Amino acid sequence: MTSFQRGLKRTIIVLVYLLLLSLLGTAFYFLLRTEPTCTDGKLNQGEEKVDCGGPCPKCEEIPKIENAQILEKSIIPSGTNKYDALVKIKNPNSLFGIERLEYSFSFLDADGKIIGQKEGVSFLLPAETKYIFAFNMNLDKKPALIDFRVKSYKWQKFSGYEEPNIALYQKEFSFISGGPGFAELKLKIQNKSGYDFRKITTRAVLRDRQGNPLAINETNNNDVRVNEEREVIFRWSEPFSQDIDIQNIEVEAEANVFDEENFMKKYGSPEQYKSYDYELNGN
């Protein structure tokens, strides 16, 4: 056998071994290979996102939550060295609300120095525009500015949300000529919702011809039944510091549907969206 023949034989043997190894490797690959699935945690098989879209179930759209908006901030003298404050806040989201909204009012002097603070807790219903008040801040000097900050909150998603239907009517404002107090506002509320409320909060804002707030007040009505009508009376014990020129009276009423004992059964358990928490700043 010539050297050429021996070399050719070795080459053929090597090629046969390589072919056998290739066939074995291919066989093992197909035996051990796992088919792409919609639960494999990988972006494959034409999926839009990992394990959703394409041949898999439709990807769930992440709802966009818009920031709550501060529409108004005002300081209102309410007595000797006493001041009230109001903030008007709007929730532009129709399906999301804030169950526990922790906030703070800061009263600032002309140099921007904090001369008084008041903290509180409220809530914000879907698509709600409401007032938040701070009352009777005793200050050594007249404040020049008010700063409002939300310190903590958590969005919740509602399913089939139905706004509480609380009617407000027959507003009557008058100055008190005899007896305690300086002025009072009477009105009637009626619970036209389909369920009872343990508490309905009613607020009032008195404004002058230019729309500036002259006075604010707030009161609660407890255990208001379906279709029940109540009279609400706001009283101011101190004379208004500004010139008395009341041209507009705003009133609002709300019930906290986040209260699980009373209202959440109506709407079901809200879905928590902790990942959408953000800092709301009232500057």
C-alpha atoms as a PDB file:
ATOM      1  CA  MET A   1       0.000   0.000   0.000  1.00  0.00           C
ATOM      2  CA  THR A   2       1.441   3.271  -1.050  1.00  0.00           C
ATOM      3  CA  SER A   3       1.799   6.253   1.271  1.00  0.00           C
ATOM      4  CA  PHE A   4      -0.934   8.036  -0.681  1.00  0.00           C
ATOM      5  CA  GLN A   5      -3.352   5.183  -0.084  1.00  0.00           C
ATOM      6  CA  ARG A   6      -2.498   5.078   3.625  1.00  0.00           C
ATOM      7  CA  GLY A   7      -3.121   8.834   3.930  1.00  0.00           C
ATOM      8  CA  LEU A   8      -6.412   8.543   2.084  1.00  0.00           C
ATOM      9  CA  LYS A   9      -7.500   5.717   4.406  1.00  0.00           C
ATOM     10  CA  ARG A  10      -6.712   7.778   7.506  1.00  0.00           C
ATOM     11  CA  THR A  11      -8.616  10.735   6.073  1.00  0.00           C
ATOM     12  CA  ILE A  12     -11.666   8.570   5.395  1.00  0.00           C
ATOM     13  CA  ILE A  13     -11.557   7.154   8.947  1.00  0.00           C
ATOM     14  CA  VAL A  14     -11.342  10.665  10.449  1.00  0.00           C
ATOM     15  CA  LEU A  15     -14.248  11.850   8.321  1.00  0.00           C
ATOM     16  CA  VAL A  16     -16.332   8.840   9.387  1.00  0.00           C
ATOM     17  CA  TYR A  17     -15.610   9.582  13.064  1.00  0.00           C
ATOM     18  CA  LEU A  18     -16.514  13.247  12.577  1.00  0.00           C
ATOM     19  CA  LEU A  19     -19.731  12.273  10.827  1.00  0.00           C
ATOM     20  CA  LEU A  20     -20.645   9.890  13.655  1.00  0.00           C
ATOM     21  CA  LEU A  21     -19.917  12.558  16.285  1.00  0.00           C
ATOM     22  CA  SER A  22     -22.014  15.070  14.357  1.00  0.00           C
ATOM     23  CA  LEU A  23     -24.907  12.629  14.124  1.00  0.00           C
ATOM     24  CA  LEU A  24     -24.665  11.827  17.841  1.00  0.00           C
ATOM     25  CA  GLY A  25     -24.526  15.539  18.740  1.00  0.00           C
ATOM     26  CA  THR A  26     -27.547  16.286  16.587  1.00  0.00           C
ATOM     27  CA  ALA A  27     -29.453  13.406  18.149  1.00  0.00           C
ATOM     28  CA  PHE A  28     -28.630  14.569  21.684  1.00  0.00           C
ATOM     29  CA  TYR A  29     -29.630  18.153  20.786  1.00  0.00           C
ATOM     30  CA  PHE A  30     -33.070  17.122  19.593  1.00  0.00           C
ATOM     31  CA  LEU A  31     -33.518  14.732  22.515  1.00  0.00           C
ATOM     32  CA  LEU A  32     -32.588  17.313  25.146  1.00  0.00           C
ATOM     33  CA  ARG A  33     -33.996  20.425  23.478  1.00  0.00           C
ATOM     34  CA  THR A  34     -37.055  22.023  25.157  1.00  0.00           C
ATOM     35  CA  GLU A  35     -39.660  23.658  22.991  1.00  0.00           C
ATOM     36  CA  PRO A  36     -40.268  27.390  23.617  1.00  0.00           C
ATOM     37  CA  THR A  37     -43.260  27.999  25.863  1.00  0.00           C
ATOM     38  CA  CYS A  38     -45.151  30.980  27.238  1.00  0.00           C
ATOM     39  CA  THR A  39     -43.797  30.272  30.717  1.00  0.00           C
ATOM     40  CA  ASP A  40     -40.087  29.742  30.080  1.00  0.00           C
ATOM     41  CA  GLY A  41     -39.059  33.240  31.171  1.00  0.00           C
ATOM     42  CA  LYS A  42     -37.414  33.935  27.807  1.00  0.00           C
ATOM     43  CA  LEU A  43     -38.147  36.312  24.957  1.00  0.00           C
ATOM     44  CA  ASN A  44     -38.558  33.915  22.022  1.00  0.00           C
ATOM     45  CA  GLN A  45     -41.008  32.508  19.442  1.00  0.00           C
ATOM     46  CA  GLY A  46     -42.034  35.966  18.253  1.00  0.00           C
ATOM     47  CA  GLU A  47     -43.193  37.220  21.671  1.00  0.00           C
ATOM     48  CA  GLU A  48     -43.678  40.980  22.131  1.00  0.00           C
ATOM     49  CA  LYS A  49     -42.403  40.776  25.703  1.00  0.00           C
ATOM     50  CA  VAL A  50     -41.167  37.889  27.806  1.00  0.00           C
ATOM     51  CA  ASP A  51     -43.886  35.192  27.769  1.00  0.00           C
ATOM     52  CA  CYS A  52     -46.605  37.427  26.342  1.00  0.00           C
ATOM     53  CA  GLY A  53     -47.729  38.643  22.945  1.00  0.00           C
ATOM     54  CA  GLY A  54     -47.347  36.822  19.646  1.00  0.00           C
ATOM     55  CA  PRO A  55     -48.376  33.176  20.177  1.00  0.00           C
ATOM     56  CA  CYS A  56     -48.744  33.802  23.934  1.00  0.00           C
ATOM     57  CA  PRO A  57     -51.542  35.618  25.795  1.00  0.00           C
ATOM     58  CA  LYS A  58     -51.811  39.337  25.168  1.00  0.00           C
ATOM     59  CA  CYS A  59     -49.399  41.458  27.170  1.00  0.00           C
ATOM     60  CA  GLU A  60     -51.108  43.311  29.997  1.00  0.00           C
ATOM     61  CA  GLU A  61     -50.893  47.035  29.477  1.00  0.00           C
ATOM     62  CA  ILE A  62     -49.312  48.895  32.372  1.00  0.00           C
ATOM     63  CA  PRO A  63     -51.779  51.643  33.250  1.00  0.00           C
ATOM     64  CA  LYS A  64     -50.438  55.155  33.161  1.00  0.00           C
ATOM     65  CA  ILE A  65     -51.070  57.115  36.337  1.00  0.00           C
ATOM     66  CA  GLU A  66     -51.001  60.879  36.035  1.00  0.00           C
ATOM     67  CA  ASN A  67     -49.742  63.059  38.850  1.00  0.00           C
ATOM     68  CA  ALA A  68     -52.313  64.686  41.073  1.00  0.00           C
ATOM     69  CA  GLN A  69     -52.528  68.418  40.421  1.00  0.00           C
ATOM     70  CA  ILE A  70     -52.463  71.276  42.914  1.00  0.00           C
ATOM     71  CA  LEU A  71     -54.954  73.835  41.574  1.00  0.00           C
ATOM     72  CA  GLU A  72     -54.928  76.389  44.393  1.00  0.00           C
ATOM     73  CA  LYS A  73     -53.101  77.284  47.620  1.00  0.00           C
ATOM     74  CA  SER A  74     -54.263  80.102  49.896  1.00  0.00           C
ATOM     75  CA  ILE A  75     -53.755  81.547  53.382  1.00  0.00           C
ATOM     76  CA  ILE A  76     -56.795  82.984  55.193  1.00  0.00           C
ATOM     77  CA  PRO A  77     -56.646  85.082  58.401  1.00  0.00           C
ATOM     78  CA  SER A  78     -59.048  83.558  60.939  1.00  0.00           C
ATOM     79  CA  GLY A  79     -58.480  85.583  64.120  1.00  0.00           C
ATOM     80  CA  THR A  80     -55.805  87.343  66.136  1.00  0.00           C
ATOM     81  CA  ASN A  81     -52.508  85.744  65.078  1.00  0.00           C
ATOM     82  CA  LYS A  82     -54.515  82.826  63.675  1.00  0.00           C
ATOM     83  CA  TYR A  83     -54.519  81.593  60.101  1.00  0.00           C
ATOM     84  CA  ASP A  84     -56.277  78.941  58.041  1.00  0.00           C
ATOM     85  CA  ALA A  85     -55.046  77.464  54.773  1.00  0.00           C
ATOM     86  CA  LEU A  86     -56.629  75.646  51.873  1.00  0.00           C
ATOM     87  CA  VAL A  87     -55.361  73.527  49.025  1.00  0.00           C
ATOM     88  CA  LYS A  88     -57.433  72.441  46.052  1.00  0.00           C
ATOM     89  CA  ILE A  89     -56.190  69.149  44.635  1.00  0.00           C
ATOM     90  CA  LYS A  90     -57.323  67.230  41.548  1.00  0.00           C
ATOM     91  CA  ASN A  91     -56.952  63.540  40.704  1.00  0.00           C
ATOM     92  CA  PRO A  92     -57.011  63.211  36.875  1.00  0.00           C
ATOM     93  CA  ASN A  93     -57.146  59.393  37.035  1.00  0.00           C
ATOM     94  CA  SER A  94     -60.594  57.863  36.573  1.00  0.00           C
ATOM     95  CA  LEU A  95     -59.695  54.383  37.880  1.00  0.00           C
ATOM     96  CA  PHE A  96     -57.078  55.108  40.542  1.00  0.00           C
ATOM     97  CA  GLY A  97     -57.376  56.714  43.948  1.00  0.00           C
ATOM     98  CA  ILE A  98     -55.206  57.249  47.011  1.00  0.00           C
ATOM     99  CA  GLU A  99     -56.388  55.481  50.156  1.00  0.00           C
ATOM    100  CA  ARG A 100     -54.099  57.232  52.635  1.00  0.00           C
ATOM    101  CA  LEU A 101     -52.654  60.589  51.652  1.00  0.00           C
ATOM    102  CA  GLU A 102     -50.317  61.992  54.307  1.00  0.00           C
ATOM    103  CA  TYR A 103     -49.595  65.686  53.847  1.00  0.00           C
ATOM    104  CA  SER A 104     -48.159  68.761  55.510  1.00  0.00           C
ATOM    105  CA  PHE A 105     -48.855  72.493  55.328  1.00  0.00           C
ATOM    106  CA  SER A 106     -45.882  74.816  55.868  1.00  0.00           C
ATOM    107  CA  PHE A 107     -46.452  78.511  56.575  1.00  0.00           C
ATOM    108  CA  LEU A 108     -43.528  80.633  55.337  1.00  0.00           C
ATOM    109  CA  ASP A 109     -42.492  84.209  56.039  1.00  0.00           C
ATOM    110  CA  ALA A 110     -41.339  86.679  53.385  1.00  0.00           C
ATOM    111  CA  ASP A 111     -37.812  85.217  53.526  1.00  0.00           C
ATOM    112  CA  GLY A 112     -39.068  81.682  52.895  1.00  0.00           C
ATOM    113  CA  LYS A 113     -38.470  80.567  56.482  1.00  0.00           C
ATOM    114  CA  ILE A 114     -40.936  78.091  57.984  1.00  0.00           C
ATOM    115  CA  ILE A 115     -42.848  79.721  60.848  1.00  0.00           C
ATOM    116  CA  GLY A 116     -45.470  77.019  61.343  1.00  0.00           C
ATOM    117  CA  GLN A 117     -46.450  73.550  60.151  1.00  0.00           C
ATOM    118  CA  LYS A 118     -49.493  71.314  60.328  1.00  0.00           C
ATOM    119  CA  GLU A 119     -49.751  67.694  59.204  1.00  0.00           C
ATOM    120  CA  GLY A 120     -52.772  65.579  58.363  1.00  0.00           C
ATOM    121  CA  VAL A 121     -54.167  62.532  56.572  1.00  0.00           C
ATOM    122  CA  SER A 122     -56.790  62.442  53.837  1.00  0.00           C
ATOM    123  CA  PHE A 123     -57.694  60.403  50.743  1.00  0.00           C
ATOM    124  CA  LEU A 124     -58.325  61.077  47.069  1.00  0.00           C
ATOM    125  CA  LEU A 125     -61.056  59.310  45.107  1.00  0.00           C
ATOM    126  CA  PRO A 126     -60.831  58.572  41.364  1.00  0.00           C
ATOM    127  CA  ALA A 127     -61.388  61.707  39.242  1.00  0.00           C
ATOM    128  CA  GLU A 128     -62.009  63.734  42.399  1.00  0.00           C
ATOM    129  CA  THR A 129     -61.293  67.426  42.868  1.00  0.00           C
ATOM    130  CA  LYS A 130     -61.428  68.402  46.534  1.00  0.00           C
ATOM    131  CA  TYR A 131     -60.257  70.814  49.198  1.00  0.00           C
ATOM    132  CA  ILE A 132     -57.878  70.040  52.035  1.00  0.00           C
ATOM    133  CA  PHE A 133     -57.957  72.513  54.929  1.00  0.00           C
ATOM    134  CA  ALA A 134     -55.698  73.485  57.815  1.00  0.00           C
ATOM    135  CA  PHE A 135     -57.349  75.405  60.658  1.00  0.00           C
ATOM    136  CA  ASN A 136     -56.303  77.802  63.431  1.00  0.00           C
ATOM    137  CA  MET A 137     -52.543  78.000  63.063  1.00  0.00           C
ATOM    138  CA  ASN A 138     -51.189  80.273  65.822  1.00  0.00           C
ATOM    139  CA  LEU A 139     -48.270  82.222  64.353  1.00  0.00           C
ATOM    140  CA  ASP A 140     -46.051  84.950  65.786  1.00  0.00           C
ATOM    141  CA  LYS A 141     -45.870  86.763  62.458  1.00  0.00           C
ATOM    142  CA  LYS A 142     -47.994  87.086  59.359  1.00  0.00           C
ATOM    143  CA  PRO A 143     -47.232  84.335  56.818  1.00  0.00           C
ATOM    144  CA  ALA A 144     -46.407  85.308  53.254  1.00  0.00           C
ATOM    145  CA  LEU A 145     -46.594  81.922  51.533  1.00  0.00           C
ATOM    146  CA  ILE A 146     -48.048  78.468  52.039  1.00  0.00           C
ATOM    147  CA  ASP A 147     -46.299  75.280  50.939  1.00  0.00           C
ATOM    148  CA  PHE A 148     -48.182  71.997  50.627  1.00  0.00           C
ATOM    149  CA  ARG A 149     -46.437  68.653  50.330  1.00  0.00           C
ATOM    150  CA  VAL A 150     -47.702  65.099  50.112  1.00  0.00           C
ATOM    151  CA  LYS A 151     -45.417  62.959  52.254  1.00  0.00           C
ATOM    152  CA  SER A 152     -46.752  59.461  51.643  1.00  0.00           C
ATOM    153  CA  TYR A 153     -49.421  57.801  49.508  1.00  0.00           C
ATOM    154  CA  LYS A 154     -50.272  54.613  47.651  1.00  0.00           C
ATOM    155  CA  TRP A 155     -52.344  54.332  44.491  1.00  0.00           C
ATOM    156  CA  GLN A 156     -55.158  51.795  44.339  1.00  0.00           C
ATOM    157  CA  LYS A 157     -57.043  50.632  41.277  1.00  0.00           C
ATOM    158  CA  PHE A 158     -60.834  50.490  41.345  1.00  0.00           C
ATOM    159  CA  SER A 159     -62.977  48.085  39.376  1.00  0.00           C
ATOM    160  CA  GLY A 160     -66.387  49.376  38.354  1.00  0.00           C
ATOM    161  CA  TYR A 161     -65.998  52.528  40.434  1.00  0.00           C
ATOM    162  CA  GLU A 162     -69.210  54.394  41.186  1.00  0.00           C
ATOM    163  CA  GLU A 163     -68.900  57.894  42.615  1.00  0.00           C
ATOM    164  CA  PRO A 164     -70.913  58.479  45.808  1.00  0.00           C
ATOM    165  CA  ASN A 165     -73.982  60.556  44.988  1.00  0.00           C
ATOM    166  CA  ILE A 166     -74.412  63.210  47.678  1.00  0.00           C
ATOM    167  CA  ALA A 167     -76.694  66.100  46.769  1.00  0.00           C
ATOM    168  CA  LEU A 168     -76.130  69.625  48.162  1.00  0.00           C
ATOM    169  CA  TYR A 169     -78.807  72.307  47.971  1.00  0.00           C
ATOM    170  CA  GLN A 170     -80.646  75.196  49.684  1.00  0.00           C
ATOM    171  CA  LYS A 171     -77.588  77.196  50.725  1.00  0.00           C
ATOM    172  CA  GLU A 172     -78.405  80.081  53.070  1.00  0.00           C
ATOM    173  CA  PHE A 173     -75.704  82.400  54.406  1.00  0.00           C
ATOM    174  CA  SER A 174     -76.338  85.000  57.095  1.00  0.00           C
ATOM    175  CA  PHE A 175     -74.545  87.135  59.660  1.00  0.00           C
ATOM    176  CA  ILE A 176     -75.523  86.435  63.258  1.00  0.00           C
ATOM    177  CA  SER A 177     -76.922  89.535  64.944  1.00  0.00           C
ATOM    178  CA  GLY A 178     -77.697  87.929  68.286  1.00  0.00           C
ATOM    179  CA  GLY A 179     -76.295  84.905  70.059  1.00  0.00           C
ATOM    180  CA  PRO A 180     -72.918  83.212  69.718  1.00  0.00           C
ATOM    181  CA  GLY A 181     -70.935  83.434  66.539  1.00  0.00           C
ATOM    182  CA  PHE A 182     -70.353  85.895  63.724  1.00  0.00           C
ATOM    183  CA  ALA A 183     -71.819  84.181  60.656  1.00  0.00           C
ATOM    184  CA  GLU A 184     -73.364  80.905  59.602  1.00  0.00           C
ATOM    185  CA  LEU A 185     -74.091  78.917  56.477  1.00  0.00           C
ATOM    186  CA  LYS A 186     -76.959  76.459  56.325  1.00  0.00           C
ATOM    187  CA  LEU A 187     -77.557  73.893  53.617  1.00  0.00           C
ATOM    188  CA  LYS A 188     -79.059  70.471  53.126  1.00  0.00           C
ATOM    189  CA  ILE A 189     -77.398  67.278  52.012  1.00  0.00           C
ATOM    190  CA  GLN A 190     -79.065  64.098  50.810  1.00  0.00           C
ATOM    191  CA  ASN A 191     -77.475  60.700  50.410  1.00  0.00           C
ATOM    192  CA  LYS A 192     -78.692  59.549  46.996  1.00  0.00           C
ATOM    193  CA  SER A 193     -76.202  56.698  46.836  1.00  0.00           C
ATOM    194  CA  GLY A 194     -77.320  53.107  47.047  1.00  0.00           C
ATOM    195  CA  TYR A 195     -75.694  52.433  50.418  1.00  0.00           C
ATOM    196  CA  ASP A 196     -75.339  53.958  53.868  1.00  0.00           C
ATOM    197  CA  PHE A 197     -72.366  56.004  55.020  1.00  0.00           C
ATOM    198  CA  ARG A 198     -70.941  56.145  58.501  1.00  0.00           C
ATOM    199  CA  LYS A 199     -69.546  59.608  57.826  1.00  0.00           C
ATOM    200  CA  ILE A 200     -70.009  62.288  55.202  1.00  0.00           C
ATOM    201  CA  THR A 201     -67.620  65.243  55.316  1.00  0.00           C
ATOM    202  CA  THR A 202     -68.914  68.588  54.071  1.00  0.00           C
ATOM    203  CA  ARG A 203     -66.714  71.621  53.337  1.00  0.00           C
ATOM    204  CA  ALA A 204     -67.458  75.256  52.563  1.00  0.00           C
ATOM    205  CA  VAL A 205     -65.416  78.070  51.002  1.00  0.00           C
ATOM    206  CA  LEU A 206     -66.622  81.685  51.011  1.00  0.00           C
ATOM    207  CA  ARG A 207     -65.127  83.890  48.275  1.00  0.00           C
ATOM    208  CA  ASP A 208     -65.153  87.589  47.435  1.00  0.00           C
ATOM    209  CA  ARG A 209     -65.862  89.236  44.094  1.00  0.00           C
ATOM    210  CA  GLN A 210     -62.321  88.528  42.835  1.00  0.00           C
ATOM    211  CA  GLY A 211     -62.549  84.863  43.809  1.00  0.00           C
ATOM    212  CA  ASN A 212     -60.264  85.163  46.835  1.00  0.00           C
ATOM    213  CA  PRO A 213     -61.212  82.904  49.766  1.00  0.00           C
ATOM    214  CA  LEU A 214     -62.528  84.818  52.796  1.00  0.00           C
ATOM    215  CA  ALA A 215     -63.312  81.907  55.108  1.00  0.00           C
ATOM    216  CA  ILE A 216     -63.405  78.105  55.176  1.00  0.00           C
ATOM    217  CA  ASN A 217     -65.161  75.523  57.322  1.00  0.00           C
ATOM    218  CA  GLU A 218     -65.668  71.771  57.597  1.00  0.00           C
ATOM    219  CA  THR A 219     -68.066  69.470  59.427  1.00  0.00           C
ATOM    220  CA  ASN A 220     -68.997  65.781  59.584  1.00  0.00           C
ATOM    221  CA  ASN A 221     -72.370  64.027  59.517  1.00  0.00           C
ATOM    222  CA  ASN A 222     -72.456  60.520  60.962  1.00  0.00           C
ATOM    223  CA  ASP A 223     -74.618  57.522  60.021  1.00  0.00           C
ATOM    224  CA  VAL A 224     -76.329  58.983  56.974  1.00  0.00           C
ATOM    225  CA  ARG A 225     -78.743  56.416  55.542  1.00  0.00           C
ATOM    226  CA  VAL A 226     -79.809  55.884  51.946  1.00  0.00           C
ATOM    227  CA  ASN A 227     -82.028  58.780  50.741  1.00  0.00           C
ATOM    228  CA  GLU A 228     -81.737  60.489  54.122  1.00  0.00           C
ATOM    229  CA  GLU A 229     -81.722  64.291  54.142  1.00  0.00           C
ATOM    230  CA  ARG A 230     -79.760  66.273  56.725  1.00  0.00           C
ATOM    231  CA  GLU A 231     -79.319  69.934  57.546  1.00  0.00           C
ATOM    232  CA  VAL A 232     -75.702  71.066  57.762  1.00  0.00           C
ATOM    233  CA  ILE A 233     -74.744  74.230  59.643  1.00  0.00           C
ATOM    234  CA  PHE A 234     -71.349  75.930  59.417  1.00  0.00           C
ATOM    235  CA  ARG A 235     -70.616  78.632  61.999  1.00  0.00           C
ATOM    236  CA  TRP A 236     -67.790  81.143  62.207  1.00  0.00           C
ATOM    237  CA  SER A 237     -67.139  82.510  65.685  1.00  0.00           C
ATOM    238  CA  GLU A 238     -64.656  85.239  64.685  1.00  0.00           C
ATOM    239  CA  PRO A 239     -65.269  88.170  62.307  1.00  0.00           C
ATOM    240  CA  PHE A 240     -63.691  87.779  58.896  1.00  0.00           C
ATOM    241  CA  SER A 241     -60.437  89.714  58.651  1.00  0.00           C
ATOM    242  CA  GLN A 242     -61.002  90.838  55.063  1.00  0.00           C
ATOM    243  CA  ASP A 243     -63.665  93.223  53.867  1.00  0.00           C
ATOM    244  CA  ILE A 244     -66.989  91.435  53.858  1.00  0.00           C
ATOM    245  CA  ASP A 245     -67.855  91.006  50.196  1.00  0.00           C
ATOM    246  CA  ILE A 246     -69.102  87.449  49.855  1.00  0.00           C
ATOM    247  CA  GLN A 247     -70.035  86.791  46.252  1.00  0.00           C
ATOM    248  CA  ASN A 248     -69.596  83.046  45.915  1.00  0.00           C
ATOM    249  CA  ILE A 249     -70.155  80.085  48.224  1.00  0.00           C
ATOM    250  CA  GLU A 250     -68.608  76.744  47.305  1.00  0.00           C
ATOM    251  CA  VAL A 251     -69.647  73.557  49.082  1.00  0.00           C
ATOM    252  CA  GLU A 252     -68.582  69.957  48.609  1.00  0.00           C
ATOM    253  CA  ALA A 253     -69.328  66.634  50.275  1.00  0.00           C
ATOM    254  CA  GLU A 254     -67.497  63.335  50.177  1.00  0.00           C
ATOM    255  CA  ALA A 255     -67.584  59.876  51.718  1.00  0.00           C
ATOM    256  CA  ASN A 256     -64.513  57.712  52.145  1.00  0.00           C
ATOM    257  CA  VAL A 257     -65.185  54.611  50.062  1.00  0.00           C
ATOM    258  CA  PHE A 258     -61.768  53.241  51.041  1.00  0.00           C
ATOM    259  CA  ASP A 259     -63.250  52.326  54.434  1.00  0.00           C
ATOM    260  CA  GLU A 260     -63.457  48.548  54.068  1.00  0.00           C
ATOM    261  CA  GLU A 261     -66.053  48.084  56.787  1.00  0.00           C
ATOM    262  CA  ASN A 262     -68.558  50.234  54.938  1.00  0.00           C
ATOM    263  CA  PHE A 263     -67.714  50.705  51.319  1.00  0.00           C
ATOM    264  CA  MET A 264     -65.136  48.383  49.915  1.00  0.00           C
ATOM    265  CA  LYS A 265     -67.619  45.496  49.725  1.00  0.00           C
ATOM    266  CA  LYS A 266     -69.387  47.566  47.107  1.00  0.00           C
ATOM    267  CA  TYR A 267     -66.317  47.773  44.908  1.00  0.00           C
ATOM    268  CA  GLY A 268     -64.401  44.597  45.778  1.00  0.00           C
ATOM    269  CA  SER A 269     -60.840  44.434  47.042  1.00  0.00           C
ATOM    270  CA  PRO A 270     -58.710  47.138  45.407  1.00  0.00           C
ATOM    271  CA  GLU A 271     -55.581  46.083  43.559  1.00  0.00           C
ATOM    272  CA  GLN A 272     -52.391  47.509  45.052  1.00  0.00           C
ATOM    273  CA  TYR A 273     -49.957  49.216  42.665  1.00  0.00           C
ATOM    274  CA  LYS A 274     -46.940  49.867  44.853  1.00  0.00           C
ATOM    275  CA  SER A 275     -44.659  50.136  41.837  1.00  0.00           C
ATOM    276  CA  TYR A 276     -46.453  53.290  40.755  1.00  0.00           C
ATOM    277  CA  ASP A 277     -45.725  55.249  43.929  1.00  0.00           C
ATOM    278  CA  TYR A 278     -44.215  58.658  43.235  1.00  0.00           C
ATOM    279  CA  GLU A 279     -43.547  61.855  45.121  1.00  0.00           C
ATOM    280  CA  LEU A 280     -46.242  64.472  44.735  1.00  0.00           C
ATOM    281  CA  ASN A 281     -44.872  67.931  45.435  1.00  0.00           C
ATOM    282  CA  GLY A 282     -47.120  70.935  45.815  1.00  0.00           C
ATOM    283  CA  ASN A 283     -44.496  73.558  45.045  1.00  0.00           C
END
